């Protein structure tokens, strides 16, 4: 089965950083998709059904919380593992993330090793 990861962030350098962090997964046959806003992210999730989505919270057009809510609650795509990425580590954000169905919550700046380990874990790669 083809493995897919979607990286969503409105800042190009962060998308690039995450992609570089995970690039060794390409050798395992993982395909990468990127989006720079929530609307685009939602479209790619519906078209490509990625197993894993790294989703920035603060974005134009539709924020990560709303994308997550739509994917998990409206579309009921529970096989999509969503990791919310945010510069905010506040407890309130964490709670909101759980309410909208996020599987995990990571605070920026994130630890590249932890990011890679989590991706391998979710995709059952080693």
PDB file of N, CA and C in Angstrom:
ATOM      1  N   UNK A   1       0.838  -1.193   0.000  1.00  0.00           N
ATOM      2  CA  UNK A   1       0.000   0.000   0.000  1.00  0.00           C
ATOM      3  C   UNK A   1       0.878   1.251   0.000  1.00  0.00           C
ATOM      4  N   UNK A   2       0.479   2.195  -0.811  1.00  0.00           N
ATOM      5  CA  UNK A   2       1.246   3.434  -0.911  1.00  0.00           C
ATOM      6  C   UNK A   2       1.060   4.288   0.342  1.00  0.00           C
ATOM      7  N   UNK A   3       2.170   4.728   0.907  1.00  0.00           N
ATOM      8  CA  UNK A   3       2.132   5.572   2.104  1.00  0.00           C
ATOM      9  C   UNK A   3       2.233   7.041   1.681  1.00  0.00           C
ATOM     10  N   UNK A   4       1.418   7.875   2.324  1.00  0.00           N
ATOM     11  CA  UNK A   4       1.415   9.298   1.968  1.00  0.00           C
ATOM     12  C   UNK A   4       1.450  10.163   3.222  1.00  0.00           C
ATOM     13  N   UNK A   5       2.231  11.236   3.132  1.00  0.00           N
ATOM     14  CA  UNK A   5       2.301  12.216   4.209  1.00  0.00           C
ATOM     15  C   UNK A   5       1.977  13.589   3.610  1.00  0.00           C
ATOM     16  N   UNK A   6       1.098  14.309   4.294  1.00  0.00           N
ATOM     17  CA  UNK A   6       0.770  15.675   3.884  1.00  0.00           C
ATOM     18  C   UNK A   6       1.353  16.641   4.910  1.00  0.00           C
ATOM     19  N   UNK A   7       2.083  17.634   4.424  1.00  0.00           N
ATOM     20  CA  UNK A   7       2.692  18.652   5.283  1.00  0.00           C
ATOM     21  C   UNK A   7       2.000  19.975   4.985  1.00  0.00           C
ATOM     22  N   UNK A   8       1.358  20.543   6.005  1.00  0.00           N
ATOM     23  CA  UNK A   8       0.591  21.769   5.808  1.00  0.00           C
ATOM     24  C   UNK A   8       1.107  22.878   6.710  1.00  0.00           C
ATOM     25  N   UNK A   9       1.614  23.927   6.090  1.00  0.00           N
ATOM     26  CA  UNK A   9       2.066  25.094   6.846  1.00  0.00           C
ATOM     27  C   UNK A   9       2.088  26.264   5.887  1.00  0.00           C
ATOM     28  N   UNK A  10       1.702  27.441   6.360  1.00  0.00           N
ATOM     29  CA  UNK A  10       1.704  28.600   5.466  1.00  0.00           C
ATOM     30  C   UNK A  10       3.097  29.177   5.279  1.00  0.00           C
ATOM     31  N   UNK A  11       4.067  28.696   6.060  1.00  0.00           N
ATOM     32  CA  UNK A  11       5.447  29.161   5.903  1.00  0.00           C
ATOM     33  C   UNK A  11       6.264  28.123   5.146  1.00  0.00           C
ATOM     34  N   UNK A  12       6.756  28.536   3.977  1.00  0.00           N
ATOM     35  CA  UNK A  12       7.482  27.615   3.091  1.00  0.00           C
ATOM     36  C   UNK A  12       8.686  26.974   3.776  1.00  0.00           C
ATOM     37  N   UNK A  13       9.421  27.753   4.576  1.00  0.00           N
ATOM     38  CA  UNK A  13      10.634  27.197   5.187  1.00  0.00           C
ATOM     39  C   UNK A  13      10.300  26.099   6.200  1.00  0.00           C
ATOM     40  N   UNK A  14       9.141  26.192   6.827  1.00  0.00           N
ATOM     41  CA  UNK A  14       8.753  25.142   7.774  1.00  0.00           C
ATOM     42  C   UNK A  14       8.342  23.875   7.016  1.00  0.00           C
ATOM     43  N   UNK A  15       7.609  24.053   5.912  1.00  0.00           N
ATOM     44  CA  UNK A  15       7.265  22.886   5.075  1.00  0.00           C
ATOM     45  C   UNK A  15       8.537  22.178   4.620  1.00  0.00           C
ATOM     46  N   UNK A  16       9.507  22.999   4.191  1.00  0.00           N
ATOM     47  CA  UNK A  16      10.765  22.439   3.710  1.00  0.00           C
ATOM     48  C   UNK A  16      11.524  21.721   4.819  1.00  0.00           C
ATOM     49  N   UNK A  17      11.540  22.324   5.988  1.00  0.00           N
ATOM     50  CA  UNK A  17      12.217  21.733   7.145  1.00  0.00           C
ATOM     51  C   UNK A  17      11.623  20.367   7.497  1.00  0.00           C
ATOM     52  N   UNK A  18      10.299  20.293   7.521  1.00  0.00           N
ATOM     53  CA  UNK A  18       9.644  19.018   7.846  1.00  0.00           C
ATOM     54  C   UNK A  18       9.949  17.989   6.759  1.00  0.00           C
ATOM     55  N   UNK A  19       9.877  18.418   5.500  1.00  0.00           N
ATOM     56  CA  UNK A  19      10.172  17.497   4.399  1.00  0.00           C
ATOM     57  C   UNK A  19      11.603  16.970   4.480  1.00  0.00           C
ATOM     58  N   UNK A  20      12.541  17.873   4.773  1.00  0.00           N
ATOM     59  CA  UNK A  20      13.947  17.454   4.894  1.00  0.00           C
ATOM     60  C   UNK A  20      14.120  16.482   6.057  1.00  0.00           C
ATOM     61  N   UNK A  21      13.402  16.758   7.157  1.00  0.00           N
ATOM     62  CA  UNK A  21      13.474  15.891   8.331  1.00  0.00           C
ATOM     63  C   UNK A  21      13.004  14.479   7.994  1.00  0.00           C
ATOM     64  N   UNK A  22      12.014  14.393   7.123  1.00  0.00           N
ATOM     65  CA  UNK A  22      11.396  13.098   6.808  1.00  0.00           C
ATOM     66  C   UNK A  22      11.880  12.495   5.497  1.00  0.00           C
ATOM     67  N   UNK A  23      12.857  13.138   4.838  1.00  0.00           N
ATOM     68  CA  UNK A  23      13.203  12.710   3.472  1.00  0.00           C
ATOM     69  C   UNK A  23      13.690  11.268   3.372  1.00  0.00           C
ATOM     70  N   UNK A  24      14.272  10.739   4.450  1.00  0.00           N
ATOM     71  CA  UNK A  24      14.722   9.344   4.372  1.00  0.00           C
ATOM     72  C   UNK A  24      13.550   8.372   4.187  1.00  0.00           C
ATOM     73  N   UNK A  25      12.342   8.813   4.494  1.00  0.00           N
ATOM     74  CA  UNK A  25      11.164   7.966   4.322  1.00  0.00           C
ATOM     75  C   UNK A  25      10.831   7.757   2.849  1.00  0.00           C
ATOM     76  N   UNK A  26      11.364   8.653   2.001  1.00  0.00           N
ATOM     77  CA  UNK A  26      11.148   8.485   0.553  1.00  0.00           C
ATOM     78  C   UNK A  26      11.738   7.163   0.083  1.00  0.00           C
ATOM     79  N   UNK A  27      12.837   6.755   0.716  1.00  0.00           N
ATOM     80  CA  UNK A  27      13.462   5.473   0.375  1.00  0.00           C
ATOM     81  C   UNK A  27      12.541   4.307   0.712  1.00  0.00           C
ATOM     82  N   UNK A  28      11.609   4.531   1.627  1.00  0.00           N
ATOM     83  CA  UNK A  28      10.643   3.500   2.027  1.00  0.00           C
ATOM     84  C   UNK A  28       9.392   3.576   1.150  1.00  0.00           C
ATOM     85  N   UNK A  29       9.440   4.444   0.142  1.00  0.00           N
ATOM     86  CA  UNK A  29       8.318   4.559  -0.779  1.00  0.00           C
ATOM     87  C   UNK A  29       7.220   5.511  -0.331  1.00  0.00           C
ATOM     88  N   UNK A  30       7.527   6.374   0.627  1.00  0.00           N
ATOM     89  CA  UNK A  30       6.528   7.323   1.112  1.00  0.00           C
ATOM     90  C   UNK A  30       6.464   8.533   0.173  1.00  0.00           C
ATOM     91  N   UNK A  31       5.254   8.927  -0.188  1.00  0.00           N
ATOM     92  CA  UNK A  31       5.055  10.107  -1.032  1.00  0.00           C
ATOM     93  C   UNK A  31       4.679  11.299  -0.177  1.00  0.00           C
ATOM     94  N   UNK A  32       5.190  12.473  -0.548  1.00  0.00           N
ATOM     95  CA  UNK A  32       4.918  13.694   0.204  1.00  0.00           C
ATOM     96  C   UNK A  32       4.040  14.638  -0.595  1.00  0.00           C
ATOM     97  N   UNK A  33       3.126  15.264   0.104  1.00  0.00           N
ATOM     98  CA  UNK A  33       2.281  16.306  -0.464  1.00  0.00           C
ATOM     99  C   UNK A  33       2.415  17.509   0.458  1.00  0.00           C
ATOM    100  N   UNK A  34       2.287  18.710  -0.102  1.00  0.00           N
ATOM    101  CA  UNK A  34       2.349  19.897   0.748  1.00  0.00           C
ATOM    102  C   UNK A  34       1.193  20.825   0.401  1.00  0.00           C
ATOM    103  N   UNK A  35       0.794  21.611   1.397  1.00  0.00           N
ATOM    104  CA  UNK A  35      -0.244  22.617   1.199  1.00  0.00           C
ATOM    105  C   UNK A  35       0.137  23.825   2.036  1.00  0.00           C
ATOM    106  N   UNK A  36      -0.252  25.019   1.578  1.00  0.00           N
ATOM    107  CA  UNK A  36       0.107  26.213   2.340  1.00  0.00           C
ATOM    108  C   UNK A  36      -1.103  26.899   2.960  1.00  0.00           C
ATOM    109  N   UNK A  37      -2.271  26.265   2.851  1.00  0.00           N
ATOM    110  CA  UNK A  37      -3.448  26.794   3.556  1.00  0.00           C
ATOM    111  C   UNK A  37      -4.419  25.653   3.827  1.00  0.00           C
ATOM    112  N   UNK A  38      -5.369  25.933   4.689  1.00  0.00           N
ATOM    113  CA  UNK A  38      -6.294  24.908   5.132  1.00  0.00           C
ATOM    114  C   UNK A  38      -7.219  24.367   4.060  1.00  0.00           C
ATOM    115  N   UNK A  39      -7.674  25.234   3.165  1.00  0.00           N
ATOM    116  CA  UNK A  39      -8.581  24.788   2.099  1.00  0.00           C
ATOM    117  C   UNK A  39      -7.891  23.787   1.191  1.00  0.00           C
ATOM    118  N   UNK A  40      -6.654  24.121   0.833  1.00  0.00           N
ATOM    119  CA  UNK A  40      -5.852  23.251  -0.026  1.00  0.00           C
ATOM    120  C   UNK A  40      -5.603  21.914   0.693  1.00  0.00           C
ATOM    121  N   UNK A  41      -5.318  22.002   1.978  1.00  0.00           N
ATOM    122  CA  UNK A  41      -5.061  20.796   2.772  1.00  0.00           C
ATOM    123  C   UNK A  41      -6.263  19.858   2.754  1.00  0.00           C
ATOM    124  N   UNK A  42      -7.434  20.422   2.954  1.00  0.00           N
ATOM    125  CA  UNK A  42      -8.660  19.630   2.984  1.00  0.00           C
ATOM    126  C   UNK A  42      -8.891  18.936   1.649  1.00  0.00           C
ATOM    127  N   UNK A  43      -8.622  19.659   0.576  1.00  0.00           N
ATOM    128  CA  UNK A  43      -8.780  19.111  -0.768  1.00  0.00           C
ATOM    129  C   UNK A  43      -7.829  17.924  -0.975  1.00  0.00           C
ATOM    130  N   UNK A  44      -6.562  18.085  -0.589  1.00  0.00           N
ATOM    131  CA  UNK A  44      -5.575  17.014  -0.757  1.00  0.00           C
ATOM    132  C   UNK A  44      -5.936  15.810   0.107  1.00  0.00           C
ATOM    133  N   UNK A  45      -6.397  16.057   1.333  1.00  0.00           N
ATOM    134  CA  UNK A  45      -6.783  14.947   2.213  1.00  0.00           C
ATOM    135  C   UNK A  45      -7.911  14.144   1.577  1.00  0.00           C
ATOM    136  N   UNK A  46      -8.884  14.825   0.980  1.00  0.00           N
ATOM    137  CA  UNK A  46     -10.001  14.126   0.349  1.00  0.00           C
ATOM    138  C   UNK A  46      -9.588  13.395  -0.917  1.00  0.00           C
ATOM    139  N   UNK A  47      -8.642  13.964  -1.671  1.00  0.00           N
ATOM    140  CA  UNK A  47      -8.222  13.346  -2.927  1.00  0.00           C
ATOM    141  C   UNK A  47      -7.195  12.232  -2.729  1.00  0.00           C
ATOM    142  N   UNK A  48      -6.277  12.427  -1.788  1.00  0.00           N
ATOM    143  CA  UNK A  48      -5.145  11.516  -1.658  1.00  0.00           C
ATOM    144  C   UNK A  48      -5.207  10.560  -0.462  1.00  0.00           C
ATOM    145  N   UNK A  49      -6.054  10.851   0.505  1.00  0.00           N
ATOM    146  CA  UNK A  49      -6.146  10.046   1.739  1.00  0.00           C
ATOM    147  C   UNK A  49      -4.779   9.721   2.348  1.00  0.00           C
ATOM    148  N   UNK A  50      -4.036  10.754   2.756  1.00  0.00           N
ATOM    149  CA  UNK A  50      -2.739  10.474   3.384  1.00  0.00           C
ATOM    150  C   UNK A  50      -2.943   9.788   4.740  1.00  0.00           C
ATOM    151  N   UNK A  51      -1.980   8.942   5.108  1.00  0.00           N
ATOM    152  CA  UNK A  51      -2.078   8.278   6.406  1.00  0.00           C
ATOM    153  C   UNK A  51      -1.714   9.244   7.531  1.00  0.00           C
ATOM    154  N   UNK A  52      -0.852  10.219   7.199  1.00  0.00           N
ATOM    155  CA  UNK A  52      -0.321  11.127   8.205  1.00  0.00           C
ATOM    156  C   UNK A  52      -0.358  12.565   7.703  1.00  0.00           C
ATOM    157  N   UNK A  53      -0.831  13.468   8.569  1.00  0.00           N
ATOM    158  CA  UNK A  53      -0.873  14.886   8.218  1.00  0.00           C
ATOM    159  C   UNK A  53      -0.215  15.698   9.330  1.00  0.00           C
ATOM    160  N   UNK A  54       0.805  16.476   8.951  1.00  0.00           N
ATOM    161  CA  UNK A  54       1.391  17.455   9.865  1.00  0.00           C
ATOM    162  C   UNK A  54       0.676  18.754   9.546  1.00  0.00           C
ATOM    163  N   UNK A  55      -0.076  19.274  10.496  1.00  0.00           N
ATOM    164  CA  UNK A  55      -0.986  20.373  10.228  1.00  0.00           C
ATOM    165  C   UNK A  55      -0.722  21.570  11.133  1.00  0.00           C
ATOM    166  N   UNK A  56      -0.327  22.676  10.513  1.00  0.00           N
ATOM    167  CA  UNK A  56      -0.098  23.911  11.266  1.00  0.00           C
ATOM    168  C   UNK A  56      -1.444  24.452  11.738  1.00  0.00           C
ATOM    169  N   UNK A  57      -1.455  25.046  12.926  1.00  0.00           N
ATOM    170  CA  UNK A  57      -2.709  25.575  13.457  1.00  0.00           C
ATOM    171  C   UNK A  57      -3.041  26.942  12.864  1.00  0.00           C
ATOM    172  N   UNK A  58      -2.083  27.870  12.890  1.00  0.00           N
ATOM    173  CA  UNK A  58      -2.332  29.239  12.424  1.00  0.00           C
ATOM    174  C   UNK A  58      -2.073  29.354  10.924  1.00  0.00           C
ATOM    175  N   UNK A  59      -3.166  29.397  10.135  1.00  0.00           N
ATOM    176  CA  UNK A  59      -3.029  29.496   8.680  1.00  0.00           C
ATOM    177  C   UNK A  59      -4.126  30.338   8.079  1.00  0.00           C
ATOM    178  N   UNK A  60      -3.855  30.885   6.867  1.00  0.00           N
ATOM    179  CA  UNK A  60      -4.902  31.646   6.175  1.00  0.00           C
ATOM    180  C   UNK A  60      -5.973  30.715   5.599  1.00  0.00           C
ATOM    181  N   UNK A  61      -7.087  31.289   5.238  1.00  0.00           N
ATOM    182  CA  UNK A  61      -8.231  30.626   4.602  1.00  0.00           C
ATOM    183  C   UNK A  61      -8.988  29.672   5.525  1.00  0.00           C
ATOM    184  N   UNK A  62      -8.279  28.780   6.198  1.00  0.00           N
ATOM    185  CA  UNK A  62      -8.920  27.879   7.144  1.00  0.00           C
ATOM    186  C   UNK A  62      -7.836  27.395   8.081  1.00  0.00           C
ATOM    187  N   UNK A  63      -8.017  27.592   9.379  1.00  0.00           N
ATOM    188  CA  UNK A  63      -6.939  27.200  10.289  1.00  0.00           C
ATOM    189  C   UNK A  63      -6.909  25.684  10.517  1.00  0.00           C
ATOM    190  N   UNK A  64      -5.821  25.237  11.104  1.00  0.00           N
ATOM    191  CA  UNK A  64      -5.617  23.800  11.308  1.00  0.00           C
ATOM    192  C   UNK A  64      -6.679  23.145  12.169  1.00  0.00           C
ATOM    193  N   UNK A  65      -7.185  23.874  13.146  1.00  0.00           N
ATOM    194  CA  UNK A  65      -8.234  23.324  14.015  1.00  0.00           C
ATOM    195  C   UNK A  65      -9.473  22.990  13.194  1.00  0.00           C
ATOM    196  N   UNK A  66      -9.832  23.915  12.294  1.00  0.00           N
ATOM    197  CA  UNK A  66     -11.024  23.729  11.462  1.00  0.00           C
ATOM    198  C   UNK A  66     -10.822  22.580  10.465  1.00  0.00           C
ATOM    199  N   UNK A  67      -9.629  22.512   9.862  1.00  0.00           N
ATOM    200  CA  UNK A  67      -9.327  21.415   8.941  1.00  0.00           C
ATOM    201  C   UNK A  67      -9.469  20.087   9.685  1.00  0.00           C
ATOM    202  N   UNK A  68      -8.871  20.027  10.860  1.00  0.00           N
ATOM    203  CA  UNK A  68      -8.911  18.812  11.668  1.00  0.00           C
ATOM    204  C   UNK A  68     -10.355  18.429  12.011  1.00  0.00           C
ATOM    205  N   UNK A  69     -11.124  19.412  12.435  1.00  0.00           N
ATOM    206  CA  UNK A  69     -12.526  19.155  12.789  1.00  0.00           C
ATOM    207  C   UNK A  69     -13.298  18.582  11.599  1.00  0.00           C
ATOM    208  N   UNK A  70     -13.088  19.169  10.426  1.00  0.00           N
ATOM    209  CA  UNK A  70     -13.811  18.698   9.237  1.00  0.00           C
ATOM    210  C   UNK A  70     -13.405  17.283   8.859  1.00  0.00           C
ATOM    211  N   UNK A  71     -12.104  17.017   8.910  1.00  0.00           N
ATOM    212  CA  UNK A  71     -11.606  15.687   8.546  1.00  0.00           C
ATOM    213  C   UNK A  71     -12.129  14.624   9.506  1.00  0.00           C
ATOM    214  N   UNK A  72     -12.032  14.902  10.793  1.00  0.00           N
ATOM    215  CA  UNK A  72     -12.385  13.908  11.811  1.00  0.00           C
ATOM    216  C   UNK A  72     -13.881  13.828  12.104  1.00  0.00           C
ATOM    217  N   UNK A  73     -14.539  14.984  12.182  1.00  0.00           N
ATOM    218  CA  UNK A  73     -15.943  15.001  12.598  1.00  0.00           C
ATOM    219  C   UNK A  73     -16.915  14.932  11.419  1.00  0.00           C
ATOM    220  N   UNK A  74     -16.662  15.726  10.382  1.00  0.00           N
ATOM    221  CA  UNK A  74     -17.610  15.761   9.259  1.00  0.00           C
ATOM    222  C   UNK A  74     -17.365  14.636   8.262  1.00  0.00           C
ATOM    223  N   UNK A  75     -16.109  14.470   7.877  1.00  0.00           N
ATOM    224  CA  UNK A  75     -15.799  13.445   6.881  1.00  0.00           C
ATOM    225  C   UNK A  75     -15.552  12.085   7.531  1.00  0.00           C
ATOM    226  N   UNK A  76     -15.350  12.098   8.844  1.00  0.00           N
ATOM    227  CA  UNK A  76     -15.107  10.862   9.618  1.00  0.00           C
ATOM    228  C   UNK A  76     -13.967  10.023   9.040  1.00  0.00           C
ATOM    229  N   UNK A  77     -12.884  10.701   8.649  1.00  0.00           N
ATOM    230  CA  UNK A  77     -11.710  10.003   8.121  1.00  0.00           C
ATOM    231  C   UNK A  77     -10.792   9.656   9.293  1.00  0.00           C
ATOM    232  N   UNK A  78     -11.180   8.661  10.052  1.00  0.00           N
ATOM    233  CA  UNK A  78     -10.442   8.343  11.270  1.00  0.00           C
ATOM    234  C   UNK A  78      -9.122   7.627  11.030  1.00  0.00           C
ATOM    235  N   UNK A  79      -8.907   7.176   9.800  1.00  0.00           N
ATOM    236  CA  UNK A  79      -7.627   6.524   9.492  1.00  0.00           C
ATOM    237  C   UNK A  79      -6.562   7.539   9.094  1.00  0.00           C
ATOM    238  N   UNK A  80      -6.912   8.817   9.101  1.00  0.00           N
ATOM    239  CA  UNK A  80      -5.929   9.874   8.847  1.00  0.00           C
ATOM    240  C   UNK A  80      -5.408  10.337  10.211  1.00  0.00           C
ATOM    241  N   UNK A  81      -4.097  10.138  10.441  1.00  0.00           N
ATOM    242  CA  UNK A  81      -3.479  10.528  11.711  1.00  0.00           C
ATOM    243  C   UNK A  81      -3.052  11.982  11.598  1.00  0.00           C
ATOM    244  N   UNK A  82      -3.642  12.847  12.428  1.00  0.00           N
ATOM    245  CA  UNK A  82      -3.346  14.278  12.333  1.00  0.00           C
ATOM    246  C   UNK A  82      -2.504  14.748  13.519  1.00  0.00           C
ATOM    247  N   UNK A  83      -1.363  15.341  13.186  1.00  0.00           N
ATOM    248  CA  UNK A  83      -0.503  15.947  14.200  1.00  0.00           C
ATOM    249  C   UNK A  83      -0.594  17.459  14.025  1.00  0.00           C
ATOM    250  N   UNK A  84      -1.148  18.134  15.012  1.00  0.00           N
ATOM    251  CA  UNK A  84      -1.231  19.595  14.961  1.00  0.00           C
ATOM    252  C   UNK A  84       0.112  20.182  15.368  1.00  0.00           C
ATOM    253  N   UNK A  85       0.598  21.120  14.576  1.00  0.00           N
ATOM    254  CA  UNK A  85       1.851  21.816  14.871  1.00  0.00           C
ATOM    255  C   UNK A  85       1.518  23.256  15.211  1.00  0.00           C
ATOM    256  N   UNK A  86       2.031  23.718  16.325  1.00  0.00           N
ATOM    257  CA  UNK A  86       1.738  25.093  16.692  1.00  0.00           C
ATOM    258  C   UNK A  86       2.861  25.730  17.466  1.00  0.00           C
ATOM    259  N   UNK A  87       2.945  27.038  17.339  1.00  0.00           N
ATOM    260  CA  UNK A  87       3.949  27.777  18.103  1.00  0.00           C
ATOM    261  C   UNK A  87       3.452  27.979  19.524  1.00  0.00           C
ATOM    262  N   UNK A  88       2.180  27.714  19.730  1.00  0.00           N
ATOM    263  CA  UNK A  88       1.604  27.905  21.059  1.00  0.00           C
ATOM    264  C   UNK A  88       1.568  26.592  21.822  1.00  0.00           C
ATOM    265  N   UNK A  89       2.084  26.614  23.025  1.00  0.00           N
ATOM    266  CA  UNK A  89       2.031  25.411  23.838  1.00  0.00           C
ATOM    267  C   UNK A  89       0.973  25.487  24.916  1.00  0.00           C
ATOM    268  N   UNK A  90       0.107  26.494  24.815  1.00  0.00           N
ATOM    269  CA  UNK A  90      -0.901  26.681  25.858  1.00  0.00           C
ATOM    270  C   UNK A  90      -1.838  25.498  25.981  1.00  0.00           C
ATOM    271  N   UNK A  91      -2.224  25.240  27.198  1.00  0.00           N
ATOM    272  CA  UNK A  91      -3.115  24.131  27.505  1.00  0.00           C
ATOM    273  C   UNK A  91      -4.458  24.257  26.778  1.00  0.00           C
ATOM    274  N   UNK A  92      -4.943  25.481  26.638  1.00  0.00           N
ATOM    275  CA  UNK A  92      -6.220  25.697  25.961  1.00  0.00           C
ATOM    276  C   UNK A  92      -6.171  25.201  24.521  1.00  0.00           C
ATOM    277  N   UNK A  93      -5.057  25.486  23.831  1.00  0.00           N
ATOM    278  CA  UNK A  93      -4.891  25.025  22.451  1.00  0.00           C
ATOM    279  C   UNK A  93      -4.881  23.509  22.388  1.00  0.00           C
ATOM    280  N   UNK A  94      -4.191  22.915  23.335  1.00  0.00           N
ATOM    281  CA  UNK A  94      -4.114  21.465  23.402  1.00  0.00           C
ATOM    282  C   UNK A  94      -5.516  20.852  23.547  1.00  0.00           C
ATOM    283  N   UNK A  95      -6.296  21.459  24.427  1.00  0.00           N
ATOM    284  CA  UNK A  95      -7.672  20.981  24.641  1.00  0.00           C
ATOM    285  C   UNK A  95      -8.497  21.143  23.374  1.00  0.00           C
ATOM    286  N   UNK A  96      -8.367  22.295  22.731  1.00  0.00           N
ATOM    287  CA  UNK A  96      -9.108  22.519  21.476  1.00  0.00           C
ATOM    288  C   UNK A  96      -8.689  21.497  20.434  1.00  0.00           C
ATOM    289  N   UNK A  97      -7.409  21.207  20.395  1.00  0.00           N
ATOM    290  CA  UNK A  97      -6.898  20.215  19.460  1.00  0.00           C
ATOM    291  C   UNK A  97      -7.524  18.851  19.693  1.00  0.00           C
ATOM    292  N   UNK A  98      -7.658  18.485  20.952  1.00  0.00           N
ATOM    293  CA  UNK A  98      -8.289  17.204  21.286  1.00  0.00           C
ATOM    294  C   UNK A  98      -9.769  17.218  20.916  1.00  0.00           C
ATOM    295  N   UNK A  99     -10.413  18.339  21.176  1.00  0.00           N
ATOM    296  CA  UNK A  99     -11.844  18.463  20.865  1.00  0.00           C
ATOM    297  C   UNK A  99     -12.130  18.291  19.380  1.00  0.00           C
ATOM    298  N   UNK A 100     -11.254  18.803  18.530  1.00  0.00           N
ATOM    299  CA  UNK A 100     -11.497  18.686  17.086  1.00  0.00           C
ATOM    300  C   UNK A 100     -10.990  17.364  16.524  1.00  0.00           C
ATOM    301  N   UNK A 101     -10.392  16.534  17.376  1.00  0.00           N
ATOM    302  CA  UNK A 101     -10.019  15.191  16.955  1.00  0.00           C
ATOM    303  C   UNK A 101      -8.563  14.961  16.593  1.00  0.00           C
ATOM    304  N   UNK A 102      -7.680  15.924  16.917  1.00  0.00           N
ATOM    305  CA  UNK A 102      -6.259  15.729  16.607  1.00  0.00           C
ATOM    306  C   UNK A 102      -5.714  14.508  17.341  1.00  0.00           C
ATOM    307  N   UNK A 103      -4.848  13.768  16.661  1.00  0.00           N
ATOM    308  CA  UNK A 103      -4.261  12.569  17.268  1.00  0.00           C
ATOM    309  C   UNK A 103      -3.068  12.917  18.141  1.00  0.00           C
ATOM    310  N   UNK A 104      -2.389  14.008  17.794  1.00  0.00           N
ATOM    311  CA  UNK A 104      -1.207  14.409  18.538  1.00  0.00           C
ATOM    312  C   UNK A 104      -1.014  15.911  18.364  1.00  0.00           C
ATOM    313  N   UNK A 105      -0.257  16.481  19.273  1.00  0.00           N
ATOM    314  CA  UNK A 105      -0.061  17.917  19.303  1.00  0.00           C
ATOM    315  C   UNK A 105       1.430  18.149  19.512  1.00  0.00           C
ATOM    316  N   UNK A 106       2.082  18.845  18.598  1.00  0.00           N
ATOM    317  CA  UNK A 106       3.512  19.135  18.763  1.00  0.00           C
ATOM    318  C   UNK A 106       3.729  20.639  18.721  1.00  0.00           C
ATOM    319  N   UNK A 107       4.605  21.114  19.588  1.00  0.00           N
ATOM    320  CA  UNK A 107       4.882  22.538  19.658  1.00  0.00           C
ATOM    321  C   UNK A 107       6.142  22.879  18.862  1.00  0.00           C
ATOM    322  N   UNK A 108       6.082  23.972  18.112  1.00  0.00           N
ATOM    323  CA  UNK A 108       7.261  24.470  17.398  1.00  0.00           C
ATOM    324  C   UNK A 108       8.109  25.267  18.386  1.00  0.00           C
ATOM    325  N   UNK A 109       9.416  25.297  18.271  1.00  0.00           N
ATOM    326  CA  UNK A 109      10.176  24.466  17.328  1.00  0.00           C
ATOM    327  C   UNK A 109      10.162  23.010  17.783  1.00  0.00           C
ATOM    328  N   UNK A 110       9.967  22.120  16.831  1.00  0.00           N
ATOM    329  CA  UNK A 110       9.881  20.700  17.171  1.00  0.00           C
ATOM    330  C   UNK A 110      11.235  20.027  17.038  1.00  0.00           C
ATOM    331  N   UNK A 111      11.368  18.905  17.690  1.00  0.00           N
ATOM    332  CA  UNK A 111      12.580  18.116  17.638  1.00  0.00           C
ATOM    333  C   UNK A 111      12.506  17.222  16.397  1.00  0.00           C
ATOM    334  N   UNK A 112      13.419  17.426  15.425  1.00  0.00           N
ATOM    335  CA  UNK A 112      13.372  16.650  14.182  1.00  0.00           C
ATOM    336  C   UNK A 112      13.384  15.140  14.415  1.00  0.00           C
ATOM    337  N   UNK A 113      14.176  14.696  15.369  1.00  0.00           N
ATOM    338  CA  UNK A 113      14.234  13.260  15.672  1.00  0.00           C
ATOM    339  C   UNK A 113      12.873  12.731  16.119  1.00  0.00           C
ATOM    340  N   UNK A 114      12.219  13.501  16.985  1.00  0.00           N
ATOM    341  CA  UNK A 114      10.901  13.101  17.500  1.00  0.00           C
ATOM    342  C   UNK A 114       9.879  13.060  16.363  1.00  0.00           C
ATOM    343  N   UNK A 115       9.987  14.027  15.454  1.00  0.00           N
ATOM    344  CA  UNK A 115       9.089  14.097  14.303  1.00  0.00           C
ATOM    345  C   UNK A 115       9.253  12.855  13.423  1.00  0.00           C
ATOM    346  N   UNK A 116      10.490  12.515  13.129  1.00  0.00           N
ATOM    347  CA  UNK A 116      10.785  11.361  12.295  1.00  0.00           C
ATOM    348  C   UNK A 116      10.342  10.066  12.960  1.00  0.00           C
ATOM    349  N   UNK A 117      10.637   9.934  14.250  1.00  0.00           N
ATOM    350  CA  UNK A 117      10.217   8.739  14.996  1.00  0.00           C
ATOM    351  C   UNK A 117       8.704   8.569  14.963  1.00  0.00           C
ATOM    352  N   UNK A 118       7.996   9.681  15.157  1.00  0.00           N
ATOM    353  CA  UNK A 118       6.526   9.632  15.173  1.00  0.00           C
ATOM    354  C   UNK A 118       6.003   9.230  13.803  1.00  0.00           C
ATOM    355  N   UNK A 119       6.577   9.789  12.748  1.00  0.00           N
ATOM    356  CA  UNK A 119       6.143   9.455  11.386  1.00  0.00           C
ATOM    357  C   UNK A 119       6.358   7.968  11.105  1.00  0.00           C
ATOM    358  N   UNK A 120       7.519   7.454  11.489  1.00  0.00           N
ATOM    359  CA  UNK A 120       7.804   6.031  11.287  1.00  0.00           C
ATOM    360  C   UNK A 120       6.824   5.164  12.069  1.00  0.00           C
ATOM    361  N   UNK A 121       6.540   5.618  13.269  1.00  0.00           N
ATOM    362  CA  UNK A 121       5.615   4.914  14.142  1.00  0.00           C
ATOM    363  C   UNK A 121       4.212   4.835  13.518  1.00  0.00           C
ATOM    364  N   UNK A 122       3.712   5.987  13.094  1.00  0.00           N
ATOM    365  CA  UNK A 122       2.374   6.051  12.507  1.00  0.00           C
ATOM    366  C   UNK A 122       2.285   5.219  11.230  1.00  0.00           C
ATOM    367  N   UNK A 123       3.329   5.245  10.417  1.00  0.00           N
ATOM    368  CA  UNK A 123       3.324   4.509   9.154  1.00  0.00           C
ATOM    369  C   UNK A 123       3.812   3.069   9.302  1.00  0.00           C
ATOM    370  N   UNK A 124       4.109   2.675  10.534  1.00  0.00           N
ATOM    371  CA  UNK A 124       4.638   1.329  10.819  1.00  0.00           C
ATOM    372  C   UNK A 124       5.877   1.011  10.000  1.00  0.00           C
ATOM    373  N   UNK A 125       6.818   1.954   9.980  1.00  0.00           N
ATOM    374  CA  UNK A 125       8.084   1.770   9.272  1.00  0.00           C
ATOM    375  C   UNK A 125       9.190   1.666  10.318  1.00  0.00           C
ATOM    376  N   UNK A 126      10.246   0.962   9.977  1.00  0.00           N
ATOM    377  CA  UNK A 126      11.383   0.973  10.888  1.00  0.00           C
ATOM    378  C   UNK A 126      12.693   0.824  10.163  1.00  0.00           C
TER     379      UNK A 126
END
